[in-house]
């Protein structure tokens, strides 16, 4: 995962921050949130930029010899879905549901490909550390099997992308964004169309639901869901960052770090599951090699988990999430 804070495209926001009266939730507002045309342009620019990043990786993704475009397009699909959700109040409901569903479909198949790429890369690295020729051969057998699955997944990617384009979903979305930006399509906009505090607190609360599982390393499903919650919080924070400036970066970094560490944890869990299936083969020497790989997964997973515990402890000491709540 990228280790830098993502910044949305530059937009003109009136600099003076205006606080609402104390009888309402604490909130920072800017001129853009009170100007219909600017709000439309801002949402259009954000979604358009994510859409551009999504599309620019298409060529690399269709070339199965490259693995990073798959990762970048997958991340872009996540950010695009987050933006569609954040600004759904000014988008056509039925069409937005279709766009989100289609982009999610692409994201899922890209996720399968990315997972296989990560697993193959891990095994290639593990193979270099082995000195026993028989063990090296056994690892190559596993790699060969995963590469076969990867080729099958590549075919699915091509089919899904071609189907998405054939349905002309993207031109339809681009055309709507153009109208939104130009002011030709003016939807009814009020503060509820930019539910900044509501959506961020909702994302945060969904993350905090999993706090009881932080100290339970074997809660694989719950920690995976916690990663997804951190990811959604991060992308939503990035969208609204221009309203808050660099003060918001600490919350983005915190959610990103949680996402990254729990993502690594999930990758090791998935690989351990794949290797467990190979361990059922009758050959004893093959089982011994697979057992070694599973132990390596467990060792690396434990190291990642310790980092995660330290991170979470740090966030609790600094009262990071309490500070975020007080922003609204």
C-alpha atoms as a PDB file:
ATOM      1  CA  UNK A   1       0.000   0.000   0.000  1.00  0.00           C
ATOM      2  CA  UNK A   2       1.043   3.601  -0.617  1.00  0.00           C
ATOM      3  CA  UNK A   3       2.660   5.233   2.414  1.00  0.00           C
ATOM      4  CA  UNK A   4       1.764   8.822   1.559  1.00  0.00           C
ATOM      5  CA  UNK A   5      -1.351  10.789   2.335  1.00  0.00           C
ATOM      6  CA  UNK A   6      -3.544  11.029  -0.729  1.00  0.00           C
ATOM      7  CA  UNK A   7      -4.628  14.531  -1.656  1.00  0.00           C
ATOM      8  CA  UNK A   8      -7.737  15.102  -3.789  1.00  0.00           C
ATOM      9  CA  UNK A   9      -7.480  17.416  -6.805  1.00  0.00           C
ATOM     10  CA  UNK A  10      -7.031  21.099  -6.036  1.00  0.00           C
ATOM     11  CA  UNK A  11     -10.278  23.020  -5.772  1.00  0.00           C
ATOM     12  CA  UNK A  12     -11.028  26.582  -4.778  1.00  0.00           C
ATOM     13  CA  UNK A  13     -12.347  26.707  -1.248  1.00  0.00           C
ATOM     14  CA  UNK A  14     -13.009  29.944   0.540  1.00  0.00           C
ATOM     15  CA  UNK A  15     -10.301  30.053   3.231  1.00  0.00           C
ATOM     16  CA  UNK A  16     -12.130  31.522   6.230  1.00  0.00           C
ATOM     17  CA  UNK A  17     -13.552  28.670   8.313  1.00  0.00           C
ATOM     18  CA  UNK A  18     -16.916  29.441   9.896  1.00  0.00           C
ATOM     19  CA  UNK A  19     -18.054  27.637  13.019  1.00  0.00           C
ATOM     20  CA  UNK A  20     -21.727  27.113  13.620  1.00  0.00           C
ATOM     21  CA  UNK A  21     -23.313  28.173  16.881  1.00  0.00           C
ATOM     22  CA  UNK A  22     -22.759  25.977  19.936  1.00  0.00           C
ATOM     23  CA  UNK A  23     -26.288  24.567  19.866  1.00  0.00           C
ATOM     24  CA  UNK A  24     -25.354  22.571  16.753  1.00  0.00           C
ATOM     25  CA  UNK A  25     -22.696  19.861  16.204  1.00  0.00           C
ATOM     26  CA  UNK A  26     -19.185  21.333  16.062  1.00  0.00           C
ATOM     27  CA  UNK A  27     -18.321  21.682  12.396  1.00  0.00           C
ATOM     28  CA  UNK A  28     -16.022  23.526  10.081  1.00  0.00           C
ATOM     29  CA  UNK A  29     -17.710  25.008   7.034  1.00  0.00           C
ATOM     30  CA  UNK A  30     -16.321  26.914   4.063  1.00  0.00           C
ATOM     31  CA  UNK A  31     -17.796  29.003   1.260  1.00  0.00           C
ATOM     32  CA  UNK A  32     -17.894  25.993  -1.028  1.00  0.00           C
ATOM     33  CA  UNK A  33     -20.468  24.297   1.186  1.00  0.00           C
ATOM     34  CA  UNK A  34     -22.797  27.266   0.839  1.00  0.00           C
ATOM     35  CA  UNK A  35     -22.444  27.708  -2.907  1.00  0.00           C
ATOM     36  CA  UNK A  36     -24.432  25.267  -5.031  1.00  0.00           C
ATOM     37  CA  UNK A  37     -22.328  25.588  -8.166  1.00  0.00           C
ATOM     38  CA  UNK A  38     -19.042  25.202  -6.267  1.00  0.00           C
ATOM     39  CA  UNK A  39     -20.326  22.121  -4.460  1.00  0.00           C
ATOM     40  CA  UNK A  40     -21.303  20.594  -7.796  1.00  0.00           C
ATOM     41  CA  UNK A  41     -17.910  21.395  -9.280  1.00  0.00           C
ATOM     42  CA  UNK A  42     -16.073  20.055  -6.248  1.00  0.00           C
ATOM     43  CA  UNK A  43     -17.921  16.726  -6.241  1.00  0.00           C
ATOM     44  CA  UNK A  44     -17.498  16.468 -10.009  1.00  0.00           C
ATOM     45  CA  UNK A  45     -13.749  17.120  -9.777  1.00  0.00           C
ATOM     46  CA  UNK A  46     -13.238  14.566  -7.017  1.00  0.00           C
ATOM     47  CA  UNK A  47     -15.214  11.804  -8.761  1.00  0.00           C
ATOM     48  CA  UNK A  48     -13.700  12.660 -12.169  1.00  0.00           C
ATOM     49  CA  UNK A  49     -10.155  12.444 -10.790  1.00  0.00           C
ATOM     50  CA  UNK A  50     -10.836   9.040  -9.224  1.00  0.00           C
ATOM     51  CA  UNK A  51     -12.438   7.890 -12.453  1.00  0.00           C
ATOM     52  CA  UNK A  52      -9.382   9.042 -14.404  1.00  0.00           C
ATOM     53  CA  UNK A  53      -7.044   7.135 -12.070  1.00  0.00           C
ATOM     54  CA  UNK A  54      -9.265   4.086 -12.464  1.00  0.00           C
ATOM     55  CA  UNK A  55      -9.183   4.218 -16.277  1.00  0.00           C
ATOM     56  CA  UNK A  56      -5.507   5.060 -16.710  1.00  0.00           C
ATOM     57  CA  UNK A  57      -4.536   1.623 -15.378  1.00  0.00           C
ATOM     58  CA  UNK A  58      -6.691  -0.300 -17.870  1.00  0.00           C
ATOM     59  CA  UNK A  59      -3.895  -1.018 -20.360  1.00  0.00           C
ATOM     60  CA  UNK A  60      -1.526  -2.311 -17.679  1.00  0.00           C
ATOM     61  CA  UNK A  61      -4.246  -4.445 -16.104  1.00  0.00           C
ATOM     62  CA  UNK A  62      -5.026  -6.114 -19.426  1.00  0.00           C
ATOM     63  CA  UNK A  63      -1.320  -7.004 -19.658  1.00  0.00           C
ATOM     64  CA  UNK A  64      -1.128  -9.907 -17.188  1.00  0.00           C
ATOM     65  CA  UNK A  65       2.697  -9.648 -16.973  1.00  0.00           C
ATOM     66  CA  UNK A  66       2.366  -6.465 -14.874  1.00  0.00           C
ATOM     67  CA  UNK A  67       1.120  -6.639 -11.283  1.00  0.00           C
ATOM     68  CA  UNK A  68       1.206  -3.048  -9.976  1.00  0.00           C
ATOM     69  CA  UNK A  69      -1.487  -1.694 -12.369  1.00  0.00           C
ATOM     70  CA  UNK A  70      -3.858  -4.297 -10.887  1.00  0.00           C
ATOM     71  CA  UNK A  71      -3.173  -2.957  -7.406  1.00  0.00           C
ATOM     72  CA  UNK A  72      -3.510   0.678  -8.468  1.00  0.00           C
ATOM     73  CA  UNK A  73      -6.737   0.087 -10.380  1.00  0.00           C
ATOM     74  CA  UNK A  74      -8.167  -1.843  -7.443  1.00  0.00           C
ATOM     75  CA  UNK A  75      -7.366   1.042  -5.068  1.00  0.00           C
ATOM     76  CA  UNK A  76      -8.785   3.528  -7.581  1.00  0.00           C
ATOM     77  CA  UNK A  77     -12.014   1.511  -7.735  1.00  0.00           C
ATOM     78  CA  UNK A  78     -12.299   1.717  -3.949  1.00  0.00           C
ATOM     79  CA  UNK A  79     -11.761   5.474  -3.921  1.00  0.00           C
ATOM     80  CA  UNK A  80     -14.237   5.910  -6.756  1.00  0.00           C
ATOM     81  CA  UNK A  81     -16.917   3.975  -4.848  1.00  0.00           C
ATOM     82  CA  UNK A  82     -16.172   6.021  -1.714  1.00  0.00           C
ATOM     83  CA  UNK A  83     -16.625   9.271  -3.659  1.00  0.00           C
ATOM     84  CA  UNK A  84     -19.878   8.097  -5.242  1.00  0.00           C
ATOM     85  CA  UNK A  85     -21.144   7.271  -1.767  1.00  0.00           C
ATOM     86  CA  UNK A  86     -19.955  10.549  -0.234  1.00  0.00           C
ATOM     87  CA  UNK A  87     -21.693  12.660  -2.892  1.00  0.00           C
ATOM     88  CA  UNK A  88     -24.681  10.426  -3.581  1.00  0.00           C
ATOM     89  CA  UNK A  89     -27.001  13.236  -2.476  1.00  0.00           C
ATOM     90  CA  UNK A  90     -26.270  15.075  -5.727  1.00  0.00           C
ATOM     91  CA  UNK A  91     -26.156  12.052  -8.034  1.00  0.00           C
ATOM     92  CA  UNK A  92     -29.067  10.162  -9.630  1.00  0.00           C
ATOM     93  CA  UNK A  93     -29.900   7.407  -7.132  1.00  0.00           C
ATOM     94  CA  UNK A  94     -30.705   4.586  -9.570  1.00  0.00           C
ATOM     95  CA  UNK A  95     -27.734   5.256 -11.831  1.00  0.00           C
ATOM     96  CA  UNK A  96     -25.369   5.638  -8.887  1.00  0.00           C
ATOM     97  CA  UNK A  97     -26.461   2.235  -7.618  1.00  0.00           C
ATOM     98  CA  UNK A  98     -25.674   0.724 -11.034  1.00  0.00           C
ATOM     99  CA  UNK A  99     -22.301   2.502 -11.320  1.00  0.00           C
ATOM    100  CA  UNK A 100     -21.318   1.392  -7.823  1.00  0.00           C
ATOM    101  CA  UNK A 101     -22.380  -2.200  -8.458  1.00  0.00           C
ATOM    102  CA  UNK A 102     -20.434  -2.420 -11.727  1.00  0.00           C
ATOM    103  CA  UNK A 103     -17.282  -0.859 -10.255  1.00  0.00           C
ATOM    104  CA  UNK A 104     -17.546  -3.204  -7.248  1.00  0.00           C
ATOM    105  CA  UNK A 105     -17.659  -6.157  -9.625  1.00  0.00           C
ATOM    106  CA  UNK A 106     -14.412  -5.018 -11.227  1.00  0.00           C
ATOM    107  CA  UNK A 107     -12.885  -4.382  -7.797  1.00  0.00           C
ATOM    108  CA  UNK A 108     -13.665  -7.918  -6.631  1.00  0.00           C
ATOM    109  CA  UNK A 109     -11.981  -9.643  -9.560  1.00  0.00           C
ATOM    110  CA  UNK A 110      -9.009  -7.276  -9.298  1.00  0.00           C
ATOM    111  CA  UNK A 111      -8.814  -8.199  -5.606  1.00  0.00           C
ATOM    112  CA  UNK A 112      -8.597 -11.892  -6.474  1.00  0.00           C
ATOM    113  CA  UNK A 113      -5.789 -11.183  -8.938  1.00  0.00           C
ATOM    114  CA  UNK A 114      -3.938  -8.980  -6.458  1.00  0.00           C
ATOM    115  CA  UNK A 115      -4.118 -11.638  -3.764  1.00  0.00           C
ATOM    116  CA  UNK A 116      -2.626 -14.244  -6.091  1.00  0.00           C
ATOM    117  CA  UNK A 117       0.114 -11.799  -7.149  1.00  0.00           C
ATOM    118  CA  UNK A 118       1.054 -11.208  -3.494  1.00  0.00           C
ATOM    119  CA  UNK A 119       1.073 -14.934  -2.729  1.00  0.00           C
ATOM    120  CA  UNK A 120       3.243 -15.750  -5.736  1.00  0.00           C
ATOM    121  CA  UNK A 121       5.662 -12.950  -4.805  1.00  0.00           C
ATOM    122  CA  UNK A 122       5.940 -14.271  -1.234  1.00  0.00           C
ATOM    123  CA  UNK A 123       6.663 -17.813  -2.434  1.00  0.00           C
ATOM    124  CA  UNK A 124       9.201 -16.616  -4.996  1.00  0.00           C
ATOM    125  CA  UNK A 125      11.017 -14.817  -2.187  1.00  0.00           C
ATOM    126  CA  UNK A 126      10.814 -17.853   0.123  1.00  0.00           C
ATOM    127  CA  UNK A 127      12.198 -20.090  -2.638  1.00  0.00           C
ATOM    128  CA  UNK A 128      15.369 -17.962  -2.889  1.00  0.00           C
ATOM    129  CA  UNK A 129      16.143 -18.668   0.766  1.00  0.00           C
ATOM    130  CA  UNK A 130      15.974 -22.450   0.336  1.00  0.00           C
ATOM    131  CA  UNK A 131      19.087 -24.537  -0.320  1.00  0.00           C
ATOM    132  CA  UNK A 132      17.537 -27.979  -0.652  1.00  0.00           C
ATOM    133  CA  UNK A 133      16.784 -28.665  -4.325  1.00  0.00           C
ATOM    134  CA  UNK A 134      13.837 -30.917  -3.501  1.00  0.00           C
ATOM    135  CA  UNK A 135      12.250 -28.218  -1.329  1.00  0.00           C
ATOM    136  CA  UNK A 136      12.805 -25.661  -4.094  1.00  0.00           C
ATOM    137  CA  UNK A 137      11.063 -27.989  -6.524  1.00  0.00           C
ATOM    138  CA  UNK A 138       8.088 -28.361  -4.150  1.00  0.00           C
ATOM    139  CA  UNK A 139       7.742 -24.586  -3.813  1.00  0.00           C
ATOM    140  CA  UNK A 140       7.838 -24.276  -7.586  1.00  0.00           C
ATOM    141  CA  UNK A 141       4.953 -26.756  -7.789  1.00  0.00           C
ATOM    142  CA  UNK A 142       2.864 -24.493  -5.534  1.00  0.00           C
ATOM    143  CA  UNK A 143       3.874 -21.393  -7.511  1.00  0.00           C
ATOM    144  CA  UNK A 144       2.960 -23.095 -10.780  1.00  0.00           C
ATOM    145  CA  UNK A 145      -0.502 -23.923  -9.417  1.00  0.00           C
ATOM    146  CA  UNK A 146      -1.082 -20.336  -8.265  1.00  0.00           C
ATOM    147  CA  UNK A 147       0.110 -18.938 -11.592  1.00  0.00           C
ATOM    148  CA  UNK A 148      -2.434 -21.132 -13.354  1.00  0.00           C
ATOM    149  CA  UNK A 149      -5.195 -19.636 -11.163  1.00  0.00           C
ATOM    150  CA  UNK A 150      -3.812 -16.193 -11.890  1.00  0.00           C
ATOM    151  CA  UNK A 151      -4.134 -16.764 -15.661  1.00  0.00           C
ATOM    152  CA  UNK A 152      -7.736 -17.870 -15.160  1.00  0.00           C
ATOM    153  CA  UNK A 153      -8.417 -14.754 -13.080  1.00  0.00           C
ATOM    154  CA  UNK A 154      -6.889 -12.607 -15.828  1.00  0.00           C
ATOM    155  CA  UNK A 155      -9.479 -13.955 -18.251  1.00  0.00           C
ATOM    156  CA  UNK A 156     -12.220 -12.961 -15.811  1.00  0.00           C
ATOM    157  CA  UNK A 157     -10.736  -9.465 -15.524  1.00  0.00           C
ATOM    158  CA  UNK A 158     -10.798  -9.032 -19.303  1.00  0.00           C
ATOM    159  CA  UNK A 159     -14.406 -10.243 -19.515  1.00  0.00           C
ATOM    160  CA  UNK A 160     -15.602  -7.952 -16.703  1.00  0.00           C
ATOM    161  CA  UNK A 161     -13.812  -4.883 -18.085  1.00  0.00           C
ATOM    162  CA  UNK A 162     -15.089  -5.487 -21.605  1.00  0.00           C
ATOM    163  CA  UNK A 163     -18.624  -6.026 -20.284  1.00  0.00           C
ATOM    164  CA  UNK A 164     -18.471  -2.795 -18.301  1.00  0.00           C
ATOM    165  CA  UNK A 165     -17.384  -0.852 -21.365  1.00  0.00           C
ATOM    166  CA  UNK A 166     -19.947  -2.546 -23.608  1.00  0.00           C
ATOM    167  CA  UNK A 167     -22.709  -1.339 -21.293  1.00  0.00           C
ATOM    168  CA  UNK A 168     -21.364   2.217 -21.692  1.00  0.00           C
ATOM    169  CA  UNK A 169     -21.465   2.835 -17.948  1.00  0.00           C
ATOM    170  CA  UNK A 170     -18.375   5.043 -17.961  1.00  0.00           C
ATOM    171  CA  UNK A 171     -19.445   7.434 -20.748  1.00  0.00           C
ATOM    172  CA  UNK A 172     -22.761   7.839 -18.949  1.00  0.00           C
ATOM    173  CA  UNK A 173     -21.018   8.686 -15.664  1.00  0.00           C
ATOM    174  CA  UNK A 174     -18.557  11.043 -17.401  1.00  0.00           C
ATOM    175  CA  UNK A 175     -21.381  12.872 -19.173  1.00  0.00           C
ATOM    176  CA  UNK A 176     -23.259  13.405 -15.910  1.00  0.00           C
ATOM    177  CA  UNK A 177     -20.114  14.700 -14.187  1.00  0.00           C
ATOM    178  CA  UNK A 178     -19.623  17.168 -17.037  1.00  0.00           C
ATOM    179  CA  UNK A 179     -23.100  18.587 -16.526  1.00  0.00           C
ATOM    180  CA  UNK A 180     -22.570  18.701 -12.765  1.00  0.00           C
ATOM    181  CA  UNK A 181     -19.338  20.651 -13.173  1.00  0.00           C
ATOM    182  CA  UNK A 182     -20.735  23.114 -15.709  1.00  0.00           C
ATOM    183  CA  UNK A 183     -23.815  23.908 -13.684  1.00  0.00           C
ATOM    184  CA  UNK A 184     -26.123  22.667 -16.445  1.00  0.00           C
ATOM    185  CA  UNK A 185     -27.450  20.039 -14.076  1.00  0.00           C
ATOM    186  CA  UNK A 186     -28.329  21.574 -10.742  1.00  0.00           C
ATOM    187  CA  UNK A 187     -29.635  19.155  -8.186  1.00  0.00           C
ATOM    188  CA  UNK A 188     -31.270  20.396  -4.968  1.00  0.00           C
ATOM    189  CA  UNK A 189     -28.289  20.993  -2.700  1.00  0.00           C
ATOM    190  CA  UNK A 190     -28.272  21.822   0.946  1.00  0.00           C
ATOM    191  CA  UNK A 191     -26.055  20.861   3.851  1.00  0.00           C
ATOM    192  CA  UNK A 192     -27.515  17.340   3.893  1.00  0.00           C
ATOM    193  CA  UNK A 193     -25.991  16.721   0.457  1.00  0.00           C
ATOM    194  CA  UNK A 194     -22.565  16.982   2.068  1.00  0.00           C
ATOM    195  CA  UNK A 195     -23.104  14.954   5.256  1.00  0.00           C
ATOM    196  CA  UNK A 196     -19.462  15.323   6.216  1.00  0.00           C
ATOM    197  CA  UNK A 197     -19.796  14.815   9.959  1.00  0.00           C
ATOM    198  CA  UNK A 198     -22.489  12.170   9.648  1.00  0.00           C
ATOM    199  CA  UNK A 199     -20.621   9.962   7.188  1.00  0.00           C
ATOM    200  CA  UNK A 200     -17.217  10.294   8.892  1.00  0.00           C
ATOM    201  CA  UNK A 201     -18.624   9.482  12.332  1.00  0.00           C
ATOM    202  CA  UNK A 202     -20.533   6.573  10.807  1.00  0.00           C
ATOM    203  CA  UNK A 203     -17.294   5.230   9.305  1.00  0.00           C
ATOM    204  CA  UNK A 204     -15.445   5.763  12.583  1.00  0.00           C
ATOM    205  CA  UNK A 205     -18.099   3.987  14.655  1.00  0.00           C
ATOM    206  CA  UNK A 206     -17.973   1.007  12.294  1.00  0.00           C
ATOM    207  CA  UNK A 207     -14.228   0.807  12.911  1.00  0.00           C
ATOM    208  CA  UNK A 208     -14.581   1.062  16.690  1.00  0.00           C
ATOM    209  CA  UNK A 209     -17.081  -1.810  16.757  1.00  0.00           C
ATOM    210  CA  UNK A 210     -14.086  -4.124  16.309  1.00  0.00           C
ATOM    211  CA  UNK A 211     -12.052  -2.801  19.256  1.00  0.00           C
ATOM    212  CA  UNK A 212     -12.808  -5.943  21.364  1.00  0.00           C
ATOM    213  CA  UNK A 213     -10.997  -8.040  18.733  1.00  0.00           C
ATOM    214  CA  UNK A 214      -7.785  -5.998  18.715  1.00  0.00           C
ATOM    215  CA  UNK A 215      -6.353  -8.186  21.488  1.00  0.00           C
ATOM    216  CA  UNK A 216      -7.550 -11.410  19.829  1.00  0.00           C
ATOM    217  CA  UNK A 217      -5.030 -12.291  17.082  1.00  0.00           C
ATOM    218  CA  UNK A 218      -6.933 -15.389  16.014  1.00  0.00           C
ATOM    219  CA  UNK A 219     -10.138 -13.456  15.258  1.00  0.00           C
ATOM    220  CA  UNK A 220      -9.321 -13.618  11.565  1.00  0.00           C
ATOM    221  CA  UNK A 221     -12.728 -12.615  10.182  1.00  0.00           C
ATOM    222  CA  UNK A 222     -13.240  -9.749  12.610  1.00  0.00           C
ATOM    223  CA  UNK A 223      -9.762  -8.282  12.033  1.00  0.00           C
ATOM    224  CA  UNK A 224     -10.342  -8.504   8.298  1.00  0.00           C
ATOM    225  CA  UNK A 225     -13.618  -6.614   8.666  1.00  0.00           C
ATOM    226  CA  UNK A 226     -11.804  -4.072  10.839  1.00  0.00           C
ATOM    227  CA  UNK A 227      -9.365  -3.522   7.962  1.00  0.00           C
ATOM    228  CA  UNK A 228     -12.276  -2.851   5.594  1.00  0.00           C
ATOM    229  CA  UNK A 229     -13.760  -0.379   8.090  1.00  0.00           C
ATOM    230  CA  UNK A 230     -10.391   1.429   8.375  1.00  0.00           C
ATOM    231  CA  UNK A 231     -10.124   1.559   4.598  1.00  0.00           C
ATOM    232  CA  UNK A 232     -13.563   3.141   4.217  1.00  0.00           C
ATOM    233  CA  UNK A 233     -12.814   5.655   6.959  1.00  0.00           C
ATOM    234  CA  UNK A 234      -9.518   6.589   5.306  1.00  0.00           C
ATOM    235  CA  UNK A 235     -10.990   7.172   1.853  1.00  0.00           C
ATOM    236  CA  UNK A 236     -13.853   9.222   3.275  1.00  0.00           C
ATOM    237  CA  UNK A 237     -11.425  11.361   5.296  1.00  0.00           C
ATOM    238  CA  UNK A 238      -9.363  11.970   2.155  1.00  0.00           C
ATOM    239  CA  UNK A 239     -12.416  13.224   0.289  1.00  0.00           C
ATOM    240  CA  UNK A 240     -13.200  15.847   2.934  1.00  0.00           C
ATOM    241  CA  UNK A 241      -9.610  16.816   3.726  1.00  0.00           C
ATOM    242  CA  UNK A 242      -9.757  20.137   1.762  1.00  0.00           C
ATOM    243  CA  UNK A 243     -12.242  21.464   4.341  1.00  0.00           C
ATOM    244  CA  UNK A 244      -9.761  20.877   7.156  1.00  0.00           C
ATOM    245  CA  UNK A 245      -6.269  21.210   5.698  1.00  0.00           C
ATOM    246  CA  UNK A 246      -3.181  19.466   7.081  1.00  0.00           C
ATOM    247  CA  UNK A 247      -4.752  19.115  10.559  1.00  0.00           C
ATOM    248  CA  UNK A 248      -6.779  16.264   9.101  1.00  0.00           C
ATOM    249  CA  UNK A 249      -3.711  14.316   7.944  1.00  0.00           C
ATOM    250  CA  UNK A 250      -3.103  12.620  11.300  1.00  0.00           C
ATOM    251  CA  UNK A 251      -6.485  10.906  11.091  1.00  0.00           C
ATOM    252  CA  UNK A 252      -5.815   9.807   7.515  1.00  0.00           C
ATOM    253  CA  UNK A 253      -2.406   8.414   8.476  1.00  0.00           C
ATOM    254  CA  UNK A 254      -3.865   6.554  11.462  1.00  0.00           C
ATOM    255  CA  UNK A 255      -6.602   4.857   9.429  1.00  0.00           C
ATOM    256  CA  UNK A 256      -4.116   4.134   6.617  1.00  0.00           C
ATOM    257  CA  UNK A 257      -1.640   2.476   9.031  1.00  0.00           C
ATOM    258  CA  UNK A 258      -4.403   0.288  10.475  1.00  0.00           C
ATOM    259  CA  UNK A 259      -5.510  -0.656   6.972  1.00  0.00           C
ATOM    260  CA  UNK A 260      -1.958  -1.512   5.888  1.00  0.00           C
ATOM    261  CA  UNK A 261      -1.066  -3.675   8.886  1.00  0.00           C
ATOM    262  CA  UNK A 262      -4.375  -5.520   8.979  1.00  0.00           C
ATOM    263  CA  UNK A 263      -4.094  -5.932   5.210  1.00  0.00           C
ATOM    264  CA  UNK A 264      -0.728  -7.670   5.642  1.00  0.00           C
ATOM    265  CA  UNK A 265      -2.248  -9.800   8.385  1.00  0.00           C
ATOM    266  CA  UNK A 266      -5.061 -10.827   6.041  1.00  0.00           C
ATOM    267  CA  UNK A 267      -2.623 -11.730   3.253  1.00  0.00           C
ATOM    268  CA  UNK A 268      -0.749 -14.112   5.540  1.00  0.00           C
ATOM    269  CA  UNK A 269      -4.024 -15.662   6.713  1.00  0.00           C
ATOM    270  CA  UNK A 270      -5.125 -16.241   3.109  1.00  0.00           C
ATOM    271  CA  UNK A 271      -1.777 -17.725   2.079  1.00  0.00           C
ATOM    272  CA  UNK A 272      -1.772 -20.023   5.120  1.00  0.00           C
ATOM    273  CA  UNK A 273      -5.201 -21.268   4.039  1.00  0.00           C
ATOM    274  CA  UNK A 274      -3.979 -21.927   0.489  1.00  0.00           C
ATOM    275  CA  UNK A 275      -0.903 -23.775   1.769  1.00  0.00           C
ATOM    276  CA  UNK A 276      -3.047 -25.854   4.143  1.00  0.00           C
ATOM    277  CA  UNK A 277      -4.823 -27.295   1.085  1.00  0.00           C
ATOM    278  CA  UNK A 278      -1.468 -28.292  -0.429  1.00  0.00           C
ATOM    279  CA  UNK A 279      -0.432 -29.963   2.834  1.00  0.00           C
ATOM    280  CA  UNK A 280      -3.094 -32.623   2.200  1.00  0.00           C
ATOM    281  CA  UNK A 281      -0.979 -34.171  -0.560  1.00  0.00           C
ATOM    282  CA  UNK A 282       0.348 -37.659   0.313  1.00  0.00           C
ATOM    283  CA  UNK A 283       4.078 -36.993  -0.334  1.00  0.00           C
ATOM    284  CA  UNK A 284       5.849 -36.563   3.044  1.00  0.00           C
ATOM    285  CA  UNK A 285       8.695 -34.417   1.676  1.00  0.00           C
ATOM    286  CA  UNK A 286       6.170 -32.144   0.000  1.00  0.00           C
ATOM    287  CA  UNK A 287       4.238 -31.851   3.266  1.00  0.00           C
ATOM    288  CA  UNK A 288       7.441 -30.907   5.101  1.00  0.00           C
ATOM    289  CA  UNK A 289       8.124 -28.088   2.626  1.00  0.00           C
ATOM    290  CA  UNK A 290       4.563 -26.788   2.891  1.00  0.00           C
ATOM    291  CA  UNK A 291       4.747 -27.033   6.677  1.00  0.00           C
ATOM    292  CA  UNK A 292       7.865 -24.849   6.608  1.00  0.00           C
ATOM    293  CA  UNK A 293       6.066 -22.266   4.459  1.00  0.00           C
ATOM    294  CA  UNK A 294       3.089 -22.231   6.826  1.00  0.00           C
ATOM    295  CA  UNK A 295       5.459 -21.650   9.756  1.00  0.00           C
ATOM    296  CA  UNK A 296       7.052 -18.764   7.851  1.00  0.00           C
ATOM    297  CA  UNK A 297       3.581 -17.278   7.332  1.00  0.00           C
ATOM    298  CA  UNK A 298       2.800 -17.623  11.035  1.00  0.00           C
ATOM    299  CA  UNK A 299       6.117 -16.022  12.021  1.00  0.00           C
ATOM    300  CA  UNK A 300       5.664 -13.034   9.731  1.00  0.00           C
ATOM    301  CA  UNK A 301       2.011 -12.703  10.738  1.00  0.00           C
ATOM    302  CA  UNK A 302       3.007 -12.523  14.394  1.00  0.00           C
ATOM    303  CA  UNK A 303       5.537  -9.781  13.646  1.00  0.00           C
ATOM    304  CA  UNK A 304       2.857  -7.767  11.823  1.00  0.00           C
ATOM    305  CA  UNK A 305       0.348  -8.312  14.634  1.00  0.00           C
ATOM    306  CA  UNK A 306       2.829  -6.974  17.217  1.00  0.00           C
ATOM    307  CA  UNK A 307       3.244  -3.820  15.091  1.00  0.00           C
ATOM    308  CA  UNK A 308      -0.540  -3.476  14.921  1.00  0.00           C
ATOM    309  CA  UNK A 309      -0.909  -3.783  18.710  1.00  0.00           C
ATOM    310  CA  UNK A 310       1.749  -1.104  19.223  1.00  0.00           C
ATOM    311  CA  UNK A 311       0.021   1.169  16.723  1.00  0.00           C
ATOM    312  CA  UNK A 312      -3.384   0.735  18.325  1.00  0.00           C
ATOM    313  CA  UNK A 313      -1.959   1.318  21.796  1.00  0.00           C
ATOM    314  CA  UNK A 314      -0.378   4.522  20.547  1.00  0.00           C
ATOM    315  CA  UNK A 315      -3.652   5.724  19.036  1.00  0.00           C
ATOM    316  CA  UNK A 316      -5.446   5.074  22.314  1.00  0.00           C
ATOM    317  CA  UNK A 317      -2.791   6.958  24.322  1.00  0.00           C
ATOM    318  CA  UNK A 318      -3.077   9.990  22.054  1.00  0.00           C
ATOM    319  CA  UNK A 319      -6.902   9.720  22.073  1.00  0.00           C
ATOM    320  CA  UNK A 320      -6.865   9.916  18.291  1.00  0.00           C
ATOM    321  CA  UNK A 321     -10.461   8.873  17.712  1.00  0.00           C
ATOM    322  CA  UNK A 322     -11.828  11.070  20.495  1.00  0.00           C
ATOM    323  CA  UNK A 323     -10.125  14.028  18.826  1.00  0.00           C
ATOM    324  CA  UNK A 324     -11.695  13.114  15.492  1.00  0.00           C
ATOM    325  CA  UNK A 325     -15.143  12.974  17.073  1.00  0.00           C
ATOM    326  CA  UNK A 326     -14.642  16.443  18.508  1.00  0.00           C
ATOM    327  CA  UNK A 327     -14.111  17.816  14.998  1.00  0.00           C
ATOM    328  CA  UNK A 328     -17.872  17.501  14.409  1.00  0.00           C
END
